[in-house]
Amino acid sequence: MKKEVKPKHFIHKPEYPGGIKAMRRFLAEQQQYPAEALAQRIEGTVQLRYTIDHSGTVIRTKVISGVG
């Protein structure tokens, strides 16, 4: 019995459909800035933790550090 030979790179890295530019465009379109923060000119960085399942769906999100 011969051993099955697998291609060298049979595990592929995930890639957003349309590439990095399409992903950045999608994120910019989906970003929601709170009206109160916009009015008070509040800016900052928010860190999130998220889990993506085998089909690419985000199933859990948690804010690690926020602005306020």
C-alpha atoms as a PDB file:
ATOM      1  CA  MET A   1       0.000   0.000   0.000  1.00  0.00           C
ATOM      2  CA  LYS A   2       1.426   3.390  -1.024  1.00  0.00           C
ATOM      3  CA  LYS A   3       1.459   6.305   1.346  1.00  0.00           C
ATOM      4  CA  GLU A   4      -0.720   9.229   0.195  1.00  0.00           C
ATOM      5  CA  VAL A   5       1.393  12.207  -0.819  1.00  0.00           C
ATOM      6  CA  LYS A   6      -0.144  15.558   0.065  1.00  0.00           C
ATOM      7  CA  PRO A   7       0.773  18.796  -1.666  1.00  0.00           C
ATOM      8  CA  LYS A   8       3.443  20.835   0.114  1.00  0.00           C
ATOM      9  CA  HIS A   9       1.019  23.618   1.038  1.00  0.00           C
ATOM     10  CA  PHE A  10      -2.312  21.918   1.641  1.00  0.00           C
ATOM     11  CA  ILE A  11      -3.314  24.340   4.409  1.00  0.00           C
ATOM     12  CA  HIS A  12      -4.079  27.774   3.011  1.00  0.00           C
ATOM     13  CA  LYS A  13      -4.004  31.010   4.960  1.00  0.00           C
ATOM     14  CA  PRO A  14      -7.371  32.759   5.152  1.00  0.00           C
ATOM     15  CA  GLU A  15      -7.847  35.612   2.711  1.00  0.00           C
ATOM     16  CA  TYR A  16     -10.608  38.189   2.484  1.00  0.00           C
ATOM     17  CA  PRO A  17     -12.537  37.983  -0.815  1.00  0.00           C
ATOM     18  CA  GLY A  18     -11.206  40.802  -2.988  1.00  0.00           C
ATOM     19  CA  GLY A  19      -8.007  41.210  -0.962  1.00  0.00           C
ATOM     20  CA  ILE A  20      -6.822  43.685   1.659  1.00  0.00           C
ATOM     21  CA  LYS A  21      -8.246  46.747  -0.126  1.00  0.00           C
ATOM     22  CA  ALA A  22     -11.718  45.205  -0.167  1.00  0.00           C
ATOM     23  CA  MET A  23     -11.426  44.323   3.529  1.00  0.00           C
ATOM     24  CA  ARG A  24     -10.415  47.892   4.455  1.00  0.00           C
ATOM     25  CA  ARG A  25     -13.302  49.290   2.386  1.00  0.00           C
ATOM     26  CA  PHE A  26     -15.735  46.919   4.133  1.00  0.00           C
ATOM     27  CA  LEU A  27     -14.463  47.891   7.585  1.00  0.00           C
ATOM     28  CA  ALA A  28     -14.726  51.615   6.780  1.00  0.00           C
ATOM     29  CA  GLU A  29     -18.317  51.130   5.590  1.00  0.00           C
ATOM     30  CA  GLN A  30     -19.294  49.113   8.683  1.00  0.00           C
ATOM     31  CA  GLN A  31     -17.661  51.352  11.293  1.00  0.00           C
ATOM     32  CA  GLN A  32     -20.213  53.081  13.516  1.00  0.00           C
ATOM     33  CA  TYR A  33     -19.080  56.132  15.455  1.00  0.00           C
ATOM     34  CA  PRO A  34     -21.283  56.994  18.467  1.00  0.00           C
ATOM     35  CA  ALA A  35     -23.128  60.316  17.993  1.00  0.00           C
ATOM     36  CA  GLU A  36     -22.171  61.534  21.493  1.00  0.00           C
ATOM     37  CA  ALA A  37     -18.475  60.847  20.915  1.00  0.00           C
ATOM     38  CA  LEU A  38     -18.694  62.586  17.538  1.00  0.00           C
ATOM     39  CA  ALA A  39     -20.334  65.665  19.096  1.00  0.00           C
ATOM     40  CA  GLN A  40     -17.725  65.846  21.888  1.00  0.00           C
ATOM     41  CA  ARG A  41     -14.858  65.102  19.474  1.00  0.00           C
ATOM     42  CA  ILE A  42     -13.754  62.062  21.488  1.00  0.00           C
ATOM     43  CA  GLU A  43     -11.155  59.895  19.766  1.00  0.00           C
ATOM     44  CA  GLY A  44      -9.155  56.871  20.790  1.00  0.00           C
ATOM     45  CA  THR A  45      -8.271  53.273  20.202  1.00  0.00           C
ATOM     46  CA  VAL A  46     -10.513  50.365  21.153  1.00  0.00           C
ATOM     47  CA  GLN A  47      -9.053  46.863  21.458  1.00  0.00           C
ATOM     48  CA  LEU A  48     -11.293  43.880  20.785  1.00  0.00           C
ATOM     49  CA  ARG A  49     -10.984  40.145  21.166  1.00  0.00           C
ATOM     50  CA  TYR A  50     -13.021  38.040  18.778  1.00  0.00           C
ATOM     51  CA  THR A  51     -13.430  34.426  17.717  1.00  0.00           C
ATOM     52  CA  ILE A  52     -14.011  33.321  14.143  1.00  0.00           C
ATOM     53  CA  ASP A  53     -15.496  29.882  13.510  1.00  0.00           C
ATOM     54  CA  HIS A  54     -14.557  27.432  10.750  1.00  0.00           C
ATOM     55  CA  SER A  55     -16.883  29.132   8.240  1.00  0.00           C
ATOM     56  CA  GLY A  56     -15.436  32.615   8.836  1.00  0.00           C
ATOM     57  CA  THR A  57     -18.288  33.937  10.978  1.00  0.00           C
ATOM     58  CA  VAL A  58     -17.494  36.058  14.054  1.00  0.00           C
ATOM     59  CA  ILE A  59     -19.101  34.205  16.946  1.00  0.00           C
ATOM     60  CA  ARG A  60     -17.820  36.040  20.041  1.00  0.00           C
ATOM     61  CA  THR A  61     -16.604  39.593  20.609  1.00  0.00           C
ATOM     62  CA  LYS A  62     -15.352  41.311  23.735  1.00  0.00           C
ATOM     63  CA  VAL A  63     -14.034  44.838  24.299  1.00  0.00           C
ATOM     64  CA  ILE A  64     -10.615  44.529  25.967  1.00  0.00           C
ATOM     65  CA  SER A  65     -10.013  48.265  26.380  1.00  0.00           C
ATOM     66  CA  GLY A  66     -12.212  51.132  25.322  1.00  0.00           C
ATOM     67  CA  VAL A  67     -12.095  54.911  25.209  1.00  0.00           C
ATOM     68  CA  GLY A  68     -14.671  55.617  27.857  1.00  0.00           C
END
